Amino acid sequence: MSRIVVVEDNPDGRESLRMLLQLFGHQVEVTGDGLQGLRTILGSRPEVALVDIGLPGLNGYQVARRVRDELGPQVFLVAITGYGRPEDRREALDSGFDVHLTKPVDPERLTDLLGAGVPRPLAHRPSAV
């Protein structure tokens, strides 16, 4: 079981991720904007943060950079976004995300990613998935 923060501005998407992750035994906190998401991640220091890119306030790239500046590789950062072009993936990884997943997120892929435990540290070897 991991402690996970979901930062997603779409209420349906946020609730779906929360329910899926809780179903698989994870402890989940959710927020709906970039600034609150950053505060929650920095305050609770979860093992994993699933962060949308197109957020109000701070966008996901800004959130990832600030989390990396403050916490280094302590948090496994997953970009969850509708932006799936190669340049979007590069920007996500360059911003500090460990993994880039395109919406709609395949629940099986997400549970596989989190199921075996979160690899540590990944900041030095990001991947586009």
N, C-alpha and C. Protein backbone atom coordinates (compact mmCIF):
# COMPACT_ATOMS: atom_id res chain seq x y z
N MET A 1 0.84 -1.18 0.00
CA MET A 1 0.00 0.00 0.00
C MET A 1 0.88 1.25 0.00
N SER A 2 0.53 2.19 -0.82
CA SER A 2 1.26 3.46 -0.90
C SER A 2 0.36 4.61 -0.49
N ARG A 3 1.00 5.66 -0.02
CA ARG A 3 0.29 6.92 0.20
C ARG A 3 0.39 7.69 -1.11
N ILE A 4 -0.76 8.09 -1.65
CA ILE A 4 -0.81 8.70 -2.97
C ILE A 4 -1.59 10.01 -2.91
N VAL A 5 -1.08 11.03 -3.59
CA VAL A 5 -1.82 12.28 -3.80
C VAL A 5 -2.19 12.34 -5.27
N VAL A 6 -3.47 12.61 -5.53
CA VAL A 6 -3.97 12.82 -6.88
C VAL A 6 -4.29 14.29 -7.05
N VAL A 7 -3.68 14.92 -8.05
CA VAL A 7 -3.92 16.33 -8.34
C VAL A 7 -4.58 16.37 -9.72
N GLU A 8 -5.88 16.56 -9.73
CA GLU A 8 -6.68 16.51 -10.97
C GLU A 8 -7.82 17.51 -10.86
N ASP A 9 -7.95 18.40 -11.85
CA ASP A 9 -8.99 19.42 -11.77
C ASP A 9 -10.35 18.94 -12.22
N ASN A 10 -10.42 17.84 -12.95
CA ASN A 10 -11.71 17.31 -13.38
C ASN A 10 -12.30 16.47 -12.25
N PRO A 11 -13.45 16.88 -11.70
CA PRO A 11 -14.01 16.17 -10.54
C PRO A 11 -14.27 14.69 -10.82
N ASP A 12 -14.77 14.35 -11.99
CA ASP A 12 -15.04 12.95 -12.30
C ASP A 12 -13.75 12.14 -12.40
N GLY A 13 -12.75 12.70 -13.05
CA GLY A 13 -11.46 12.03 -13.16
C GLY A 13 -10.80 11.85 -11.81
N ARG A 14 -10.88 12.89 -11.00
CA ARG A 14 -10.29 12.86 -9.66
C ARG A 14 -10.95 11.76 -8.81
N GLU A 15 -12.28 11.72 -8.84
CA GLU A 15 -13.01 10.73 -8.05
C GLU A 15 -12.77 9.31 -8.56
N SER A 16 -12.70 9.15 -9.87
CA SER A 16 -12.44 7.82 -10.45
C SER A 16 -11.08 7.30 -10.03
N LEU A 17 -10.06 8.15 -10.10
CA LEU A 17 -8.72 7.74 -9.67
C LEU A 17 -8.70 7.42 -8.19
N ARG A 18 -9.35 8.25 -7.39
CA ARG A 18 -9.39 8.01 -5.94
C ARG A 18 -10.01 6.64 -5.65
N MET A 19 -11.16 6.38 -6.27
CA MET A 19 -11.85 5.11 -6.02
C MET A 19 -11.02 3.91 -6.48
N LEU A 20 -10.42 4.00 -7.66
CA LEU A 20 -9.61 2.91 -8.18
C LEU A 20 -8.43 2.63 -7.26
N LEU A 21 -7.73 3.68 -6.87
CA LEU A 21 -6.56 3.51 -6.02
C LEU A 21 -6.92 2.98 -4.64
N GLN A 22 -8.03 3.45 -4.08
CA GLN A 22 -8.47 2.95 -2.79
C GLN A 22 -8.90 1.48 -2.88
N LEU A 23 -9.52 1.12 -3.99
CA LEU A 23 -9.94 -0.26 -4.22
C LEU A 23 -8.74 -1.21 -4.13
N PHE A 24 -7.58 -0.72 -4.59
CA PHE A 24 -6.38 -1.53 -4.55
C PHE A 24 -5.55 -1.31 -3.29
N GLY A 25 -6.16 -0.70 -2.27
CA GLY A 25 -5.55 -0.63 -0.96
C GLY A 25 -4.66 0.56 -0.66
N HIS A 26 -4.63 1.53 -1.57
CA HIS A 26 -3.79 2.70 -1.34
C HIS A 26 -4.51 3.75 -0.49
N GLN A 27 -3.75 4.52 0.26
CA GLN A 27 -4.27 5.65 1.00
C GLN A 27 -4.18 6.86 0.06
N VAL A 28 -5.31 7.53 -0.19
CA VAL A 28 -5.35 8.55 -1.24
C VAL A 28 -5.88 9.88 -0.71
N GLU A 29 -5.16 10.95 -1.07
CA GLU A 29 -5.62 12.33 -0.87
C GLU A 29 -5.83 12.92 -2.26
N VAL A 30 -6.85 13.75 -2.42
CA VAL A 30 -7.10 14.37 -3.72
C VAL A 30 -7.19 15.88 -3.59
N THR A 31 -6.73 16.58 -4.64
CA THR A 31 -6.87 18.02 -4.73
C THR A 31 -7.21 18.37 -6.17
N GLY A 32 -7.73 19.59 -6.37
CA GLY A 32 -8.22 19.97 -7.67
C GLY A 32 -7.48 21.08 -8.39
N ASP A 33 -6.39 21.59 -7.82
CA ASP A 33 -5.62 22.61 -8.53
C ASP A 33 -4.14 22.48 -8.19
N GLY A 34 -3.31 23.11 -9.00
CA GLY A 34 -1.87 22.96 -8.87
C GLY A 34 -1.30 23.47 -7.56
N LEU A 35 -1.73 24.64 -7.11
CA LEU A 35 -1.18 25.20 -5.88
C LEU A 35 -1.54 24.36 -4.67
N GLN A 36 -2.81 23.95 -4.58
CA GLN A 36 -3.21 23.09 -3.46
C GLN A 36 -2.54 21.73 -3.56
N GLY A 37 -2.38 21.23 -4.78
CA GLY A 37 -1.69 19.96 -4.98
C GLY A 37 -0.26 20.03 -4.48
N LEU A 38 0.44 21.11 -4.83
CA LEU A 38 1.82 21.30 -4.37
C LEU A 38 1.87 21.33 -2.85
N ARG A 39 0.98 22.10 -2.24
CA ARG A 39 0.95 22.18 -0.78
C ARG A 39 0.71 20.81 -0.15
N THR A 40 -0.22 20.06 -0.73
CA THR A 40 -0.55 18.73 -0.20
C THR A 40 0.64 17.78 -0.33
N ILE A 41 1.29 17.78 -1.49
CA ILE A 41 2.45 16.91 -1.70
C ILE A 41 3.57 17.27 -0.74
N LEU A 42 3.89 18.56 -0.63
CA LEU A 42 4.97 18.98 0.25
C LEU A 42 4.64 18.71 1.71
N GLY A 43 3.36 18.86 2.07
CA GLY A 43 2.95 18.66 3.46
C GLY A 43 2.86 17.20 3.86
N SER A 44 2.33 16.36 2.99
CA SER A 44 2.11 14.96 3.37
C SER A 44 3.22 14.02 2.91
N ARG A 45 4.06 14.48 1.97
CA ARG A 45 5.19 13.69 1.47
C ARG A 45 4.78 12.25 1.13
N PRO A 46 3.88 12.10 0.17
CA PRO A 46 3.43 10.75 -0.20
C PRO A 46 4.53 10.00 -0.94
N GLU A 47 4.33 8.70 -1.09
CA GLU A 47 5.26 7.93 -1.92
C GLU A 47 5.05 8.24 -3.39
N VAL A 48 3.78 8.52 -3.76
CA VAL A 48 3.41 8.72 -5.16
C VAL A 48 2.52 9.96 -5.29
N ALA A 49 2.72 10.71 -6.38
CA ALA A 49 1.79 11.80 -6.73
C ALA A 49 1.42 11.65 -8.20
N LEU A 50 0.13 11.57 -8.46
CA LEU A 50 -0.41 11.53 -9.82
C LEU A 50 -0.89 12.94 -10.12
N VAL A 51 -0.26 13.59 -11.09
CA VAL A 51 -0.49 15.01 -11.32
C VAL A 51 -0.90 15.25 -12.77
N ASP A 52 -2.06 15.87 -12.95
CA ASP A 52 -2.50 16.31 -14.26
C ASP A 52 -1.59 17.45 -14.70
N ILE A 53 -1.44 17.62 -16.00
CA ILE A 53 -0.61 18.72 -16.51
C ILE A 53 -1.41 20.01 -16.62
N GLY A 54 -2.62 19.94 -17.17
CA GLY A 54 -3.43 21.13 -17.40
C GLY A 54 -4.24 21.53 -16.19
N LEU A 55 -3.58 22.05 -15.18
CA LEU A 55 -4.21 22.43 -13.91
C LEU A 55 -4.37 23.93 -13.80
N PRO A 56 -5.40 24.38 -13.08
CA PRO A 56 -5.48 25.81 -12.76
C PRO A 56 -4.44 26.15 -11.69
N GLY A 57 -4.08 27.41 -11.64
CA GLY A 57 -3.04 27.85 -10.68
C GLY A 57 -1.69 27.50 -11.25
N LEU A 58 -1.01 26.58 -10.65
CA LEU A 58 0.25 26.06 -11.18
C LEU A 58 -0.08 24.89 -12.11
N ASN A 59 0.57 24.81 -13.27
CA ASN A 59 0.34 23.64 -14.11
C ASN A 59 1.18 22.47 -13.57
N GLY A 60 0.95 21.29 -14.12
CA GLY A 60 1.63 20.10 -13.65
C GLY A 60 3.14 20.17 -13.78
N TYR A 61 3.63 20.80 -14.84
CA TYR A 61 5.08 20.95 -15.00
C TYR A 61 5.67 21.77 -13.85
N GLN A 62 4.98 22.85 -13.49
CA GLN A 62 5.45 23.70 -12.39
C GLN A 62 5.40 22.95 -11.07
N VAL A 63 4.33 22.18 -10.87
CA VAL A 63 4.22 21.37 -9.65
C VAL A 63 5.40 20.41 -9.56
N ALA A 64 5.68 19.69 -10.65
CA ALA A 64 6.77 18.71 -10.64
C ALA A 64 8.12 19.37 -10.35
N ARG A 65 8.39 20.50 -10.97
CA ARG A 65 9.67 21.19 -10.73
C ARG A 65 9.81 21.59 -9.27
N ARG A 66 8.73 22.12 -8.70
CA ARG A 66 8.80 22.58 -7.30
C ARG A 66 8.92 21.40 -6.34
N VAL A 67 8.22 20.29 -6.65
CA VAL A 67 8.36 19.11 -5.80
C VAL A 67 9.80 18.60 -5.85
N ARG A 68 10.37 18.53 -7.03
CA ARG A 68 11.77 18.07 -7.15
C ARG A 68 12.72 19.02 -6.43
N ASP A 69 12.49 20.33 -6.54
CA ASP A 69 13.34 21.30 -5.84
C ASP A 69 13.28 21.10 -4.33
N GLU A 70 12.09 20.82 -3.82
CA GLU A 70 11.90 20.70 -2.37
C GLU A 70 12.22 19.31 -1.82
N LEU A 71 11.80 18.27 -2.55
CA LEU A 71 11.88 16.91 -2.00
C LEU A 71 12.82 15.98 -2.76
N GLY A 72 13.38 16.44 -3.86
CA GLY A 72 14.24 15.57 -4.66
C GLY A 72 13.46 14.37 -5.16
N PRO A 73 14.11 13.20 -5.18
CA PRO A 73 13.45 12.01 -5.73
C PRO A 73 12.58 11.24 -4.74
N GLN A 74 12.27 11.83 -3.59
CA GLN A 74 11.49 11.13 -2.57
C GLN A 74 10.11 10.72 -3.05
N VAL A 75 9.53 11.50 -3.95
CA VAL A 75 8.16 11.24 -4.42
C VAL A 75 8.22 10.72 -5.85
N PHE A 76 7.52 9.63 -6.10
CA PHE A 76 7.40 9.08 -7.45
C PHE A 76 6.32 9.89 -8.15
N LEU A 77 6.72 10.69 -9.15
CA LEU A 77 5.80 11.60 -9.83
C LEU A 77 5.32 11.02 -11.15
N VAL A 78 4.00 10.93 -11.28
CA VAL A 78 3.38 10.40 -12.49
C VAL A 78 2.54 11.50 -13.12
N ALA A 79 2.90 11.86 -14.36
CA ALA A 79 2.10 12.81 -15.13
C ALA A 79 0.92 12.03 -15.72
N ILE A 80 -0.28 12.53 -15.47
CA ILE A 80 -1.48 11.94 -16.07
C ILE A 80 -2.13 13.06 -16.86
N THR A 81 -2.14 12.90 -18.19
CA THR A 81 -2.50 14.02 -19.03
C THR A 81 -3.10 13.60 -20.36
N GLY A 82 -3.82 14.52 -20.95
CA GLY A 82 -4.33 14.33 -22.30
C GLY A 82 -3.29 14.70 -23.34
N TYR A 83 -2.18 15.29 -22.89
CA TYR A 83 -1.11 15.71 -23.80
C TYR A 83 -0.20 14.51 -24.06
N GLY A 84 -0.28 13.95 -25.26
CA GLY A 84 0.44 12.72 -25.53
C GLY A 84 1.45 12.78 -26.66
N ARG A 85 1.72 13.98 -27.18
CA ARG A 85 2.71 14.09 -28.25
C ARG A 85 4.11 13.84 -27.68
N PRO A 86 5.04 13.42 -28.54
CA PRO A 86 6.41 13.17 -28.05
C PRO A 86 7.00 14.37 -27.30
N GLU A 87 6.77 15.58 -27.80
CA GLU A 87 7.31 16.75 -27.11
C GLU A 87 6.66 16.97 -25.75
N ASP A 88 5.38 16.56 -25.59
CA ASP A 88 4.71 16.65 -24.30
C ASP A 88 5.35 15.68 -23.31
N ARG A 89 5.64 14.48 -23.78
CA ARG A 89 6.30 13.48 -22.94
C ARG A 89 7.68 13.97 -22.50
N ARG A 90 8.44 14.52 -23.43
CA ARG A 90 9.77 15.05 -23.10
C ARG A 90 9.67 16.16 -22.06
N GLU A 91 8.72 17.08 -22.26
CA GLU A 91 8.59 18.18 -21.31
C GLU A 91 8.21 17.67 -19.92
N ALA A 92 7.34 16.68 -19.86
CA ALA A 92 6.96 16.12 -18.57
C ALA A 92 8.18 15.50 -17.87
N LEU A 93 8.93 14.71 -18.60
CA LEU A 93 10.10 14.07 -18.01
C LEU A 93 11.17 15.09 -17.65
N ASP A 94 11.36 16.10 -18.50
CA ASP A 94 12.32 17.16 -18.21
C ASP A 94 11.91 17.99 -16.98
N SER A 95 10.61 18.05 -16.71
CA SER A 95 10.11 18.80 -15.57
C SER A 95 10.28 18.06 -14.25
N GLY A 96 10.59 16.78 -14.33
CA GLY A 96 10.81 16.02 -13.11
C GLY A 96 9.90 14.83 -12.91
N PHE A 97 8.95 14.62 -13.82
CA PHE A 97 8.10 13.44 -13.68
C PHE A 97 8.91 12.19 -13.95
N ASP A 98 8.57 11.11 -13.26
CA ASP A 98 9.21 9.82 -13.47
C ASP A 98 8.56 9.06 -14.62
N VAL A 99 7.26 9.22 -14.77
CA VAL A 99 6.48 8.50 -15.77
C VAL A 99 5.44 9.43 -16.36
N HIS A 100 5.14 9.25 -17.64
CA HIS A 100 4.12 10.03 -18.35
C HIS A 100 3.05 9.06 -18.83
N LEU A 101 1.82 9.21 -18.34
CA LEU A 101 0.70 8.39 -18.78
C LEU A 101 -0.33 9.29 -19.46
N THR A 102 -0.86 8.82 -20.58
CA THR A 102 -1.85 9.60 -21.32
C THR A 102 -3.26 9.16 -20.93
N LYS A 103 -4.14 10.14 -20.77
CA LYS A 103 -5.56 9.88 -20.48
C LYS A 103 -6.25 9.37 -21.73
N PRO A 104 -7.25 8.57 -21.59
CA PRO A 104 -7.67 7.96 -20.33
C PRO A 104 -6.64 6.92 -19.87
N VAL A 105 -6.34 6.96 -18.59
CA VAL A 105 -5.34 6.06 -18.04
C VAL A 105 -5.92 4.66 -17.99
N ASP A 106 -5.14 3.71 -18.48
CA ASP A 106 -5.51 2.31 -18.42
C ASP A 106 -5.38 1.85 -16.96
N PRO A 107 -6.49 1.47 -16.31
CA PRO A 107 -6.41 1.07 -14.90
C PRO A 107 -5.44 -0.07 -14.66
N GLU A 108 -5.36 -1.00 -15.61
CA GLU A 108 -4.44 -2.12 -15.45
C GLU A 108 -2.99 -1.64 -15.47
N ARG A 109 -2.69 -0.71 -16.37
CA ARG A 109 -1.33 -0.16 -16.46
C ARG A 109 -0.97 0.57 -15.17
N LEU A 110 -1.92 1.34 -14.65
CA LEU A 110 -1.67 2.09 -13.43
C LEU A 110 -1.47 1.16 -12.25
N THR A 111 -2.31 0.14 -12.11
CA THR A 111 -2.15 -0.78 -11.00
C THR A 111 -0.88 -1.60 -11.14
N ASP A 112 -0.48 -1.94 -12.38
CA ASP A 112 0.80 -2.63 -12.58
C ASP A 112 1.95 -1.74 -12.15
N LEU A 113 1.87 -0.46 -12.50
CA LEU A 113 2.91 0.49 -12.17
C LEU A 113 3.08 0.62 -10.65
N LEU A 114 1.97 0.60 -9.93
CA LEU A 114 2.00 0.80 -8.48
C LEU A 114 1.99 -0.50 -7.70
N GLY A 115 1.57 -1.58 -8.34
CA GLY A 115 1.33 -2.84 -7.64
C GLY A 115 2.54 -3.50 -7.03
N ALA A 116 3.67 -3.41 -7.68
CA ALA A 116 4.87 -4.07 -7.18
C ALA A 116 5.63 -3.21 -6.18
N GLY A 117 5.03 -2.12 -5.80
CA GLY A 117 5.73 -1.17 -4.93
C GLY A 117 6.39 -0.13 -5.81
N VAL A 118 6.59 1.02 -5.29
CA VAL A 118 7.12 2.11 -6.08
C VAL A 118 8.64 2.03 -6.11
N PRO A 119 9.22 1.93 -7.32
CA PRO A 119 10.68 1.87 -7.40
C PRO A 119 11.30 3.17 -6.88
N ARG A 120 12.46 3.07 -6.26
CA ARG A 120 13.15 4.24 -5.72
C ARG A 120 14.61 4.24 -6.14
N PRO A 121 15.26 5.37 -6.24
CA PRO A 121 14.70 6.60 -6.72
C PRO A 121 14.63 6.55 -8.24
N LEU A 122 13.66 7.22 -8.81
CA LEU A 122 13.48 7.20 -10.25
C LEU A 122 13.81 8.52 -10.92
N ALA A 123 14.08 9.55 -10.19
CA ALA A 123 14.29 10.86 -10.80
C ALA A 123 15.42 10.84 -11.83
N HIS A 124 16.35 9.93 -11.70
CA HIS A 124 17.47 9.90 -12.64
C HIS A 124 17.20 8.99 -13.85
N ARG A 125 16.08 8.24 -13.86
CA ARG A 125 15.81 7.37 -14.99
C ARG A 125 14.33 7.38 -15.37
N PRO A 126 13.83 8.54 -15.79
CA PRO A 126 12.43 8.64 -16.15
C PRO A 126 12.12 7.85 -17.41
N SER A 127 10.82 7.57 -17.58
CA SER A 127 10.40 6.84 -18.77
C SER A 127 9.08 7.40 -19.28
N ALA A 128 8.91 7.32 -20.58
CA ALA A 128 7.63 7.67 -21.18
C ALA A 128 6.87 6.39 -21.40
N VAL A 129 5.69 6.29 -20.81
CA VAL A 129 4.88 5.07 -20.90
C VAL A 129 3.64 5.37 -21.70
